[in-house]
PDB file of N, CA and C in Angstrom:
ATOM      1  N   MET A   1       0.817  -1.186   0.000  1.00  0.00           N
ATOM      2  CA  MET A   1       0.000   0.000   0.000  1.00  0.00           C
ATOM      3  C   MET A   1       0.872   1.265   0.000  1.00  0.00           C
ATOM      4  N   LEU A   2       1.911   1.269   0.834  1.00  0.00           N
ATOM      5  CA  LEU A   2       2.805   2.425   0.885  1.00  0.00           C
ATOM      6  C   LEU A   2       3.565   2.589  -0.431  1.00  0.00           C
ATOM      7  N   ALA A   3       3.979   1.468  -1.019  1.00  0.00           N
ATOM      8  CA  ALA A   3       4.697   1.521  -2.302  1.00  0.00           C
ATOM      9  C   ALA A   3       3.797   2.098  -3.395  1.00  0.00           C
ATOM     10  N   GLN A   4       2.524   1.746  -3.385  1.00  0.00           N
ATOM     11  CA  GLN A   4       1.585   2.287  -4.377  1.00  0.00           C
ATOM     12  C   GLN A   4       1.399   3.786  -4.188  1.00  0.00           C
ATOM     13  N   ALA A   5       1.349   4.218  -2.947  1.00  0.00           N
ATOM     14  CA  ALA A   5       1.198   5.653  -2.663  1.00  0.00           C
ATOM     15  C   ALA A   5       2.432   6.424  -3.128  1.00  0.00           C
ATOM     16  N   ARG A   6       3.598   5.855  -2.908  1.00  0.00           N
ATOM     17  CA  ARG A   6       4.832   6.513  -3.368  1.00  0.00           C
ATOM     18  C   ARG A   6       4.885   6.587  -4.892  1.00  0.00           C
ATOM     19  N   ALA A   7       4.508   5.494  -5.552  1.00  0.00           N
ATOM     20  CA  ALA A   7       4.500   5.482  -7.017  1.00  0.00           C
ATOM     21  C   ALA A   7       3.497   6.505  -7.548  1.00  0.00           C
ATOM     22  N   ALA A   8       2.333   6.605  -6.902  1.00  0.00           N
ATOM     23  CA  ALA A   8       1.329   7.588  -7.321  1.00  0.00           C
ATOM     24  C   ALA A   8       1.854   9.006  -7.151  1.00  0.00           C
ATOM     25  N   ALA A   9       2.565   9.268  -6.060  1.00  0.00           N
ATOM     26  CA  ALA A   9       3.154  10.599  -5.843  1.00  0.00           C
ATOM     27  C   ALA A   9       4.226  10.884  -6.892  1.00  0.00           C
ATOM     28  N   SER A  10       5.015   9.871  -7.237  1.00  0.00           N
ATOM     29  CA  SER A  10       6.040  10.042  -8.270  1.00  0.00           C
ATOM     30  C   SER A  10       5.397  10.337  -9.620  1.00  0.00           C
ATOM     31  N   ASP A  11       4.320   9.623  -9.932  1.00  0.00           N
ATOM     32  CA  ASP A  11       3.602   9.879 -11.184  1.00  0.00           C
ATOM     33  C   ASP A  11       3.035  11.291 -11.205  1.00  0.00           C
ATOM     34  N   ALA A  12       2.476  11.736 -10.093  1.00  0.00           N
ATOM     35  CA  ALA A  12       1.914  13.088 -10.026  1.00  0.00           C
ATOM     36  C   ALA A  12       2.996  14.136 -10.240  1.00  0.00           C
ATOM     37  N   SER A  13       4.167  13.913  -9.679  1.00  0.00           N
ATOM     38  CA  SER A  13       5.277  14.843  -9.847  1.00  0.00           C
ATOM     39  C   SER A  13       5.728  14.898 -11.306  1.00  0.00           C
ATOM     40  N   ALA A  14       5.847  13.736 -11.940  1.00  0.00           N
ATOM     41  CA  ALA A  14       6.266  13.690 -13.345  1.00  0.00           C
ATOM     42  C   ALA A  14       5.220  14.355 -14.237  1.00  0.00           C
ATOM     43  N   LYS A  15       3.952  14.076 -13.991  1.00  0.00           N
ATOM     44  CA  LYS A  15       2.880  14.664 -14.803  1.00  0.00           C
ATOM     45  C   LYS A  15       2.851  16.180 -14.641  1.00  0.00           C
ATOM     46  N   SER A  16       3.028  16.654 -13.431  1.00  0.00           N
ATOM     47  CA  SER A  16       3.067  18.094 -13.177  1.00  0.00           C
ATOM     48  C   SER A  16       4.238  18.739 -13.910  1.00  0.00           C
ATOM     49  N   ASP A  17       5.401  18.085 -13.857  1.00  0.00           N
ATOM     50  CA  ASP A  17       6.569  18.621 -14.565  1.00  0.00           C
ATOM     51  C   ASP A  17       6.364  18.617 -16.075  1.00  0.00           C
ATOM     52  N   LEU A  18       5.646  17.626 -16.589  1.00  0.00           N
ATOM     53  CA  LEU A  18       5.392  17.595 -18.025  1.00  0.00           C
ATOM     54  C   LEU A  18       4.482  18.750 -18.426  1.00  0.00           C
ATOM     55  N   LYS A  19       3.471  19.013 -17.630  1.00  0.00           N
ATOM     56  CA  LYS A  19       2.598  20.162 -17.905  1.00  0.00           C
ATOM     57  C   LYS A  19       3.402  21.463 -17.843  1.00  0.00           C
ATOM     58  N   SER A  20       4.268  21.577 -16.864  1.00  0.00           N
ATOM     59  CA  SER A  20       5.107  22.772 -16.734  1.00  0.00           C
ATOM     60  C   SER A  20       6.084  22.888 -17.895  1.00  0.00           C
ATOM     61  N   THR A  21       6.575  21.749 -18.383  1.00  0.00           N
ATOM     62  CA  THR A  21       7.462  21.752 -19.543  1.00  0.00           C
ATOM     63  C   THR A  21       6.751  22.330 -20.751  1.00  0.00           C
ATOM     64  N   MET A  22       5.503  21.926 -20.952  1.00  0.00           N
ATOM     65  CA  MET A  22       4.738  22.422 -22.092  1.00  0.00           C
ATOM     66  C   MET A  22       4.580  23.945 -22.007  1.00  0.00           C
ATOM     67  N   ARG A  23       4.280  24.443 -20.817  1.00  0.00           N
ATOM     68  CA  ARG A  23       4.160  25.902 -20.633  1.00  0.00           C
ATOM     69  C   ARG A  23       5.500  26.594 -20.862  1.00  0.00           C
ATOM     70  N   ALA A  24       6.594  25.984 -20.379  1.00  0.00           N
ATOM     71  CA  ALA A  24       7.924  26.570 -20.549  1.00  0.00           C
ATOM     72  C   ALA A  24       8.320  26.601 -22.025  1.00  0.00           C
ATOM     73  N   ILE A  25       7.942  25.582 -22.782  1.00  0.00           N
ATOM     74  CA  ILE A  25       8.236  25.562 -24.219  1.00  0.00           C
ATOM     75  C   ILE A  25       7.545  26.734 -24.897  1.00  0.00           C
ATOM     76  N   VAL A  26       6.283  26.946 -24.572  1.00  0.00           N
ATOM     77  CA  VAL A  26       5.539  28.069 -25.167  1.00  0.00           C
ATOM     78  C   VAL A  26       6.189  29.396 -24.785  1.00  0.00           C
ATOM     79  N   MET A  27       6.608  29.539 -23.526  1.00  0.00           N
ATOM     80  CA  MET A  27       7.295  30.763 -23.091  1.00  0.00           C
ATOM     81  C   MET A  27       8.589  30.953 -23.882  1.00  0.00           C
ATOM     82  N   TYR A  28       9.340  29.873 -24.045  1.00  0.00           N
ATOM     83  CA  TYR A  28      10.601  29.946 -24.782  1.00  0.00           C
ATOM     84  C   TYR A  28      10.355  30.372 -26.230  1.00  0.00           C
ATOM     85  N   ILE A  29       9.349  29.773 -26.861  1.00  0.00           N
ATOM     86  CA  ILE A  29       9.014  30.131 -28.241  1.00  0.00           C
ATOM     87  C   ILE A  29       8.640  31.608 -28.329  1.00  0.00           C
ATOM     88  N   ASN A  30       7.831  32.084 -27.382  1.00  0.00           N
ATOM     89  CA  ASN A  30       7.416  33.490 -27.390  1.00  0.00           C
ATOM     90  C   ASN A  30       8.605  34.433 -27.237  1.00  0.00           C
ATOM     91  N   GLU A  31       9.598  34.043 -26.453  1.00  0.00           N
ATOM     92  CA  GLU A  31      10.759  34.903 -26.214  1.00  0.00           C
ATOM     93  C   GLU A  31      11.832  34.786 -27.303  1.00  0.00           C
ATOM     94  N   ASN A  32      11.942  33.612 -27.936  1.00  0.00           N
ATOM     95  CA  ASN A  32      13.055  33.362 -28.850  1.00  0.00           C
ATOM     96  C   ASN A  32      12.653  33.089 -30.296  1.00  0.00           C
ATOM     97  N   GLY A  33      11.379  32.890 -30.534  1.00  0.00           N
ATOM     98  CA  GLY A  33      10.905  32.649 -31.889  1.00  0.00           C
ATOM     99  C   GLY A  33      11.216  31.278 -32.450  1.00  0.00           C
ATOM    100  N   THR A  34      11.681  30.367 -31.611  1.00  0.00           N
ATOM    101  CA  THR A  34      12.012  29.008 -32.030  1.00  0.00           C
ATOM    102  C   THR A  34      11.805  28.053 -30.860  1.00  0.00           C
ATOM    103  N   PHE A  35      11.743  26.761 -31.146  1.00  0.00           N
ATOM    104  CA  PHE A  35      11.594  25.764 -30.093  1.00  0.00           C
ATOM    105  C   PHE A  35      12.899  25.599 -29.319  1.00  0.00           C
ATOM    106  N   PRO A  36      12.816  25.317 -28.031  1.00  0.00           N
ATOM    107  CA  PRO A  36      14.027  24.963 -27.284  1.00  0.00           C
ATOM    108  C   PRO A  36      14.487  23.588 -27.751  1.00  0.00           C
ATOM    109  N   THR A  37      15.764  23.325 -27.643  1.00  0.00           N
ATOM    110  CA  THR A  37      16.278  22.026 -28.062  1.00  0.00           C
ATOM    111  C   THR A  37      16.815  21.189 -26.903  1.00  0.00           C
ATOM    112  N   SER A  38      16.757  21.753 -25.698  1.00  0.00           N
ATOM    113  CA  SER A  38      17.296  21.020 -24.556  1.00  0.00           C
ATOM    114  C   SER A  38      16.753  21.581 -23.247  1.00  0.00           C
ATOM    115  N   GLU A  39      17.053  20.871 -22.191  1.00  0.00           N
ATOM    116  CA  GLU A  39      16.702  21.319 -20.851  1.00  0.00           C
ATOM    117  C   GLU A  39      17.437  22.624 -20.507  1.00  0.00           C
ATOM    118  N   VAL A  40      18.633  22.776 -21.049  1.00  0.00           N
ATOM    119  CA  VAL A  40      19.412  24.001 -20.835  1.00  0.00           C
ATOM    120  C   VAL A  40      18.655  25.205 -21.402  1.00  0.00           C
ATOM    121  N   ASP A  41      18.084  25.043 -22.605  1.00  0.00           N
ATOM    122  CA  ASP A  41      17.286  26.123 -23.187  1.00  0.00           C
ATOM    123  C   ASP A  41      16.098  26.475 -22.292  1.00  0.00           C
ATOM    124  N   LEU A  42      15.438  25.454 -21.741  1.00  0.00           N
ATOM    125  CA  LEU A  42      14.276  25.711 -20.884  1.00  0.00           C
ATOM    126  C   LEU A  42      14.664  26.448 -19.599  1.00  0.00           C
ATOM    127  N   ALA A  43      15.882  26.233 -19.145  1.00  0.00           N
ATOM    128  CA  ALA A  43      16.340  26.930 -17.938  1.00  0.00           C
ATOM    129  C   ALA A  43      16.394  28.437 -18.157  1.00  0.00           C
ATOM    130  N   THR A  44      16.521  28.875 -19.413  1.00  0.00           N
ATOM    131  CA  THR A  44      16.575  30.317 -19.690  1.00  0.00           C
ATOM    132  C   THR A  44      15.226  31.001 -19.443  1.00  0.00           C
ATOM    133  N   VAL A  45      14.147  30.202 -19.331  1.00  0.00           N
ATOM    134  CA  VAL A  45      12.836  30.764 -18.981  1.00  0.00           C
ATOM    135  C   VAL A  45      12.446  30.303 -17.569  1.00  0.00           C
ATOM    136  N   ASP A  46      13.486  30.061 -16.753  1.00  0.00           N
ATOM    137  CA  ASP A  46      13.334  29.685 -15.339  1.00  0.00           C
ATOM    138  C   ASP A  46      12.579  28.384 -15.128  1.00  0.00           C
ATOM    139  N   PHE A  47      12.806  27.399 -15.992  1.00  0.00           N
ATOM    140  CA  PHE A  47      12.196  26.085 -15.810  1.00  0.00           C
ATOM    141  C   PHE A  47      13.261  25.075 -15.442  1.00  0.00           C
ATOM    142  N   ASN A  48      12.994  24.319 -14.388  1.00  0.00           N
ATOM    143  CA  ASN A  48      13.846  23.207 -13.981  1.00  0.00           C
ATOM    144  C   ASN A  48      12.947  22.069 -13.523  1.00  0.00           C
ATOM    145  N   LEU A  49      13.352  20.845 -13.805  1.00  0.00           N
ATOM    146  CA  LEU A  49      12.588  19.680 -13.374  1.00  0.00           C
ATOM    147  C   LEU A  49      12.693  19.485 -11.871  1.00  0.00           C
ATOM    148  N   SER A  50      11.671  18.862 -11.297  1.00  0.00           N
ATOM    149  CA  SER A  50      11.674  18.520  -9.876  1.00  0.00           C
ATOM    150  C   SER A  50      12.691  17.418  -9.613  1.00  0.00           C
ATOM    151  N   GLY A  51      13.057  17.251  -8.370  1.00  0.00           N
ATOM    152  CA  GLY A  51      13.977  16.186  -7.997  1.00  0.00           C
ATOM    153  C   GLY A  51      13.412  14.826  -8.351  1.00  0.00           C
ATOM    154  N   GLY A  52      14.235  13.961  -8.909  1.00  0.00           N
ATOM    155  CA  GLY A  52      13.818  12.614  -9.265  1.00  0.00           C
ATOM    156  C   GLY A  52      13.155  12.508 -10.626  1.00  0.00           C
ATOM    157  N   VAL A  53      12.859  13.649 -11.251  1.00  0.00           N
ATOM    158  CA  VAL A  53      12.198  13.662 -12.557  1.00  0.00           C
ATOM    159  C   VAL A  53      13.243  13.958 -13.625  1.00  0.00           C
ATOM    160  N   SER A  54      13.140  13.252 -14.749  1.00  0.00           N
ATOM    161  CA  SER A  54      14.082  13.499 -15.844  1.00  0.00           C
ATOM    162  C   SER A  54      13.406  13.301 -17.198  1.00  0.00           C
ATOM    163  N   PHE A  55      13.985  13.966 -18.198  1.00  0.00           N
ATOM    164  CA  PHE A  55      13.567  13.731 -19.567  1.00  0.00           C
ATOM    165  C   PHE A  55      14.265  12.466 -20.040  1.00  0.00           C
ATOM    166  N   SER A  56      13.535  11.558 -20.636  1.00  0.00           N
ATOM    167  CA  SER A  56      14.187  10.420 -21.278  1.00  0.00           C
ATOM    168  C   SER A  56      14.155  10.609 -22.791  1.00  0.00           C
ATOM    169  N   LYS A  57      13.409  11.623 -23.232  1.00  0.00           N
ATOM    170  CA  LYS A  57      13.397  11.991 -24.639  1.00  0.00           C
ATOM    171  C   LYS A  57      12.957  13.444 -24.738  1.00  0.00           C
ATOM    172  N   PHE A  58      13.660  14.214 -25.549  1.00  0.00           N
ATOM    173  CA  PHE A  58      13.304  15.602 -25.816  1.00  0.00           C
ATOM    174  C   PHE A  58      13.741  15.881 -27.243  1.00  0.00           C
ATOM    175  N   ASP A  59      12.835  15.636 -28.184  1.00  0.00           N
ATOM    176  CA  ASP A  59      13.146  15.796 -29.602  1.00  0.00           C
ATOM    177  C   ASP A  59      12.371  16.957 -30.193  1.00  0.00           C
ATOM    178  N   VAL A  60      13.044  17.768 -30.976  1.00  0.00           N
ATOM    179  CA  VAL A  60      12.397  18.824 -31.749  1.00  0.00           C
ATOM    180  C   VAL A  60      12.637  18.502 -33.210  1.00  0.00           C
ATOM    181  N   LYS A  61      11.548  18.417 -33.955  1.00  0.00           N
ATOM    182  CA  LYS A  61      11.639  18.090 -35.384  1.00  0.00           C
ATOM    183  C   LYS A  61      10.818  19.080 -36.179  1.00  0.00           C
ATOM    184  N   THR A  62      11.163  19.222 -37.444  1.00  0.00           N
ATOM    185  CA  THR A  62      10.401  20.080 -38.352  1.00  0.00           C
ATOM    186  C   THR A  62       9.919  19.237 -39.518  1.00  0.00           C
ATOM    187  N   LYS A  63       8.599  19.230 -39.722  1.00  0.00           N
ATOM    188  CA  LYS A  63       7.994  18.533 -40.854  1.00  0.00           C
ATOM    189  C   LYS A  63       7.163  19.523 -41.632  1.00  0.00           C
ATOM    190  N   LYS A  64       7.419  19.607 -42.908  1.00  0.00           N
ATOM    191  CA  LYS A  64       6.673  20.516 -43.781  1.00  0.00           C
ATOM    192  C   LYS A  64       6.674  21.941 -43.238  1.00  0.00           C
ATOM    193  N   GLY A  65       7.812  22.343 -42.678  1.00  0.00           N
ATOM    194  CA  GLY A  65       7.963  23.702 -42.177  1.00  0.00           C
ATOM    195  C   GLY A  65       7.348  23.964 -40.815  1.00  0.00           C
ATOM    196  N   ILE A  66       6.809  22.922 -40.173  1.00  0.00           N
ATOM    197  CA  ILE A  66       6.176  23.095 -38.853  1.00  0.00           C
ATOM    198  C   ILE A  66       7.011  22.361 -37.812  1.00  0.00           C
ATOM    199  N   ALA A  67       7.509  23.105 -36.833  1.00  0.00           N
ATOM    200  CA  ALA A  67       8.304  22.510 -35.760  1.00  0.00           C
ATOM    201  C   ALA A  67       7.393  21.921 -34.691  1.00  0.00           C
ATOM    202  N   SER A  68       7.850  20.843 -34.081  1.00  0.00           N
ATOM    203  CA  SER A  68       7.114  20.247 -32.969  1.00  0.00           C
ATOM    204  C   SER A  68       8.107  19.608 -32.004  1.00  0.00           C
ATOM    205  N   ALA A  69       7.671  19.463 -30.763  1.00  0.00           N
ATOM    206  CA  ALA A  69       8.494  18.831 -29.738  1.00  0.00           C
ATOM    207  C   ALA A  69       7.806  17.553 -29.276  1.00  0.00           C
ATOM    208  N   HIS A  70       8.589  16.511 -29.083  1.00  0.00           N
ATOM    209  CA  HIS A  70       8.084  15.249 -28.550  1.00  0.00           C
ATOM    210  C   HIS A  70       8.878  14.980 -27.282  1.00  0.00           C
ATOM    211  N   ILE A  71       8.162  14.836 -26.164  1.00  0.00           N
ATOM    212  CA  ILE A  71       8.811  14.762 -24.862  1.00  0.00           C
ATOM    213  C   ILE A  71       8.358  13.523 -24.098  1.00  0.00           C
ATOM    214  N   HIS A  72       9.317  12.813 -23.506  1.00  0.00           N
ATOM    215  CA  HIS A  72       9.033  11.728 -22.567  1.00  0.00           C
ATOM    216  C   HIS A  72       9.654  12.139 -21.235  1.00  0.00           C
ATOM    217  N   ILE A  73       8.935  11.858 -20.171  1.00  0.00           N
ATOM    218  CA  ILE A  73       9.409  12.249 -18.845  1.00  0.00           C
ATOM    219  C   ILE A  73       9.075  11.134 -17.863  1.00  0.00           C
ATOM    220  N   GLU A  74       9.933  10.933 -16.878  1.00  0.00           N
ATOM    221  CA  GLU A  74       9.672   9.889 -15.881  1.00  0.00           C
ATOM    222  C   GLU A  74      10.292  10.269 -14.539  1.00  0.00           C
ATOM    223  N   HIS A  75       9.824   9.587 -13.509  1.00  0.00           N
ATOM    224  CA  HIS A  75      10.313   9.802 -12.143  1.00  0.00           C
ATOM    225  C   HIS A  75      10.952   8.504 -11.678  1.00  0.00           C
ATOM    226  N   ILE A  76      12.065   8.608 -10.986  1.00  0.00           N
ATOM    227  CA  ILE A  76      12.776   7.400 -10.546  1.00  0.00           C
ATOM    228  C   ILE A  76      11.943   6.548  -9.583  1.00  0.00           C
ATOM    229  N   GLY A  77      10.910   7.135  -8.978  1.00  0.00           N
ATOM    230  CA  GLY A  77      10.080   6.399  -8.027  1.00  0.00           C
ATOM    231  C   GLY A  77       8.935   5.636  -8.662  1.00  0.00           C
ATOM    232  N   SER A  78       8.870   5.615  -9.993  1.00  0.00           N
ATOM    233  CA  SER A  78       7.765   4.943 -10.672  1.00  0.00           C
ATOM    234  C   SER A  78       8.268   4.247 -11.932  1.00  0.00           C
ATOM    235  N   SER A  79       7.611   3.161 -12.294  1.00  0.00           N
ATOM    236  CA  SER A  79       7.956   2.471 -13.540  1.00  0.00           C
ATOM    237  C   SER A  79       7.139   3.011 -14.710  1.00  0.00           C
ATOM    238  N   ASN A  80       6.294   4.000 -14.453  1.00  0.00           N
ATOM    239  CA  ASN A  80       5.465   4.589 -15.497  1.00  0.00           C
ATOM    240  C   ASN A  80       6.161   5.764 -16.159  1.00  0.00           C
ATOM    241  N   ALA A  81       5.676   6.111 -17.338  1.00  0.00           N
ATOM    242  CA  ALA A  81       6.222   7.244 -18.078  1.00  0.00           C
ATOM    243  C   ALA A  81       5.073   8.081 -18.622  1.00  0.00           C
ATOM    244  N   TRP A  82       5.359   9.330 -18.881  1.00  0.00           N
ATOM    245  CA  TRP A  82       4.382  10.263 -19.443  1.00  0.00           C
ATOM    246  C   TRP A  82       4.987  10.860 -20.691  1.00  0.00           C
ATOM    247  N   HIS A  83       4.128  11.164 -21.672  1.00  0.00           N
ATOM    248  CA  HIS A  83       4.655  11.781 -22.879  1.00  0.00           C
ATOM    249  C   HIS A  83       3.653  12.753 -23.459  1.00  0.00           C
ATOM    250  N   ALA A  84       4.165  13.688 -24.255  1.00  0.00           N
ATOM    251  CA  ALA A  84       3.319  14.685 -24.913  1.00  0.00           C
ATOM    252  C   ALA A  84       4.019  15.199 -26.159  1.00  0.00           C
ATOM    253  N   ASP A  85       3.219  15.699 -27.072  1.00  0.00           N
ATOM    254  CA  ASP A  85       3.714  16.350 -28.280  1.00  0.00           C
ATOM    255  C   ASP A  85       3.174  17.766 -28.311  1.00  0.00           C
ATOM    256  N   LEU A  86       3.988  18.685 -28.739  1.00  0.00           N
ATOM    257  CA  LEU A  86       3.560  20.069 -28.889  1.00  0.00           C
ATOM    258  C   LEU A  86       3.992  20.525 -30.274  1.00  0.00           C
ATOM    259  N   PRO A  87       3.150  20.982 -31.141  1.00  0.00           N
ATOM    260  CA  PRO A  87       1.757  21.354 -30.901  1.00  0.00           C
ATOM    261  C   PRO A  87       0.739  20.273 -31.226  1.00  0.00           C
ATOM    262  N   ALA A  88       1.156  19.111 -31.740  1.00  0.00           N
ATOM    263  CA  ALA A  88       0.206  18.119 -32.222  1.00  0.00           C
ATOM    264  C   ALA A  88      -0.866  17.749 -31.203  1.00  0.00           C
ATOM    265  N   GLU A  89      -0.478  17.533 -29.954  1.00  0.00           N
ATOM    266  CA  GLU A  89      -1.443  17.158 -28.930  1.00  0.00           C
ATOM    267  C   GLU A  89      -1.806  18.345 -28.058  1.00  0.00           C
ATOM    268  N   GLY A  90      -1.242  19.511 -28.341  1.00  0.00           N
ATOM    269  CA  GLY A  90      -1.499  20.643 -27.467  1.00  0.00           C
ATOM    270  C   GLY A  90      -0.983  20.333 -26.083  1.00  0.00           C
ATOM    271  N   SER A  91      -1.805  20.506 -25.080  1.00  0.00           N
ATOM    272  CA  SER A  91      -1.362  20.246 -23.713  1.00  0.00           C
ATOM    273  C   SER A  91      -1.863  18.909 -23.197  1.00  0.00           C
ATOM    274  N   VAL A  92      -2.359  18.047 -24.085  1.00  0.00           N
ATOM    275  CA  VAL A  92      -2.855  16.743 -23.661  1.00  0.00           C
ATOM    276  C   VAL A  92      -1.683  15.859 -23.281  1.00  0.00           C
ATOM    277  N   ILE A  93      -1.773  15.242 -22.125  1.00  0.00           N
ATOM    278  CA  ILE A  93      -0.729  14.340 -21.661  1.00  0.00           C
ATOM    279  C   ILE A  93      -1.297  12.933 -21.639  1.00  0.00           C
ATOM    280  N   GLN A  94      -0.603  12.008 -22.263  1.00  0.00           N
ATOM    281  CA  GLN A  94      -1.069  10.638 -22.326  1.00  0.00           C
ATOM    282  C   GLN A  94      -0.244   9.764 -21.394  1.00  0.00           C
ATOM    283  N   PHE A  95      -0.906   8.874 -20.702  1.00  0.00           N
ATOM    284  CA  PHE A  95      -0.246   7.938 -19.807  1.00  0.00           C
ATOM    285  C   PHE A  95       0.234   6.742 -20.600  1.00  0.00           C
ATOM    286  N   ARG A  96       1.442   6.334 -20.347  1.00  0.00           N
ATOM    287  CA  ARG A  96       2.008   5.172 -21.014  1.00  0.00           C
ATOM    288  C   ARG A  96       2.552   4.240 -19.950  1.00  0.00           C
ATOM    289  N   LYS A  97       1.987   3.052 -19.819  1.00  0.00           N
ATOM    290  CA  LYS A  97       2.413   2.113 -18.786  1.00  0.00           C
ATOM    291  C   LYS A  97       3.769   1.506 -19.117  1.00  0.00           C
ATOM    292  N   GLY A  98       4.495   1.196 -18.077  1.00  0.00           N
ATOM    293  CA  GLY A  98       5.778   0.552 -18.243  1.00  0.00           C
ATOM    294  C   GLY A  98       6.908   1.533 -18.453  1.00  0.00           C
ATOM    295  N   LYS A  99       8.100   1.018 -18.433  1.00  0.00           N
ATOM    296  CA  LYS A  99       9.277   1.842 -18.675  1.00  0.00           C
ATOM    297  C   LYS A  99       9.293   2.288 -20.124  1.00  0.00           C
ATOM    298  N   LEU A 100       9.831   3.472 -20.367  1.00  0.00           N
ATOM    299  CA  LEU A 100       9.949   3.939 -21.743  1.00  0.00           C
ATOM    300  C   LEU A 100      10.863   2.988 -22.504  1.00  0.00           C
ATOM    301  N   GLY A 101      10.529   2.767 -23.749  1.00  0.00           N
ATOM    302  CA  GLY A 101      11.318   1.885 -24.582  1.00  0.00           C
ATOM    303  C   GLY A 101      10.814   0.458 -24.605  1.00  0.00           C
ATOM    304  N   GLU A 102       9.869   0.122 -23.728  1.00  0.00           N
ATOM    305  CA  GLU A 102       9.298  -1.233 -23.756  1.00  0.00           C
ATOM    306  C   GLU A 102       8.229  -1.329 -24.799  1.00  0.00           C
TER     307      GLU A 102
END
């Protein structure tokens, strides 16, 4: 029961950071006119991930002249991962069970 509560808290932290990442990307675009390409770029708009949370994927691609970001994020306290695309999914965050890459 305690392990489930810890995993749920870890998932909540990762999901919150993913939502904040999406907002930070929009802020970065508004200030710089382009997508950020790394966590370092996001730090320029005062964004940092919470403890235990990390990006396992942060890709920026351009298709047909339209840039988009694809982000995977996870917390060391959970085997779950969260991912989102901007702008394709807007701010929708989808839950993906299991470790990323499975």
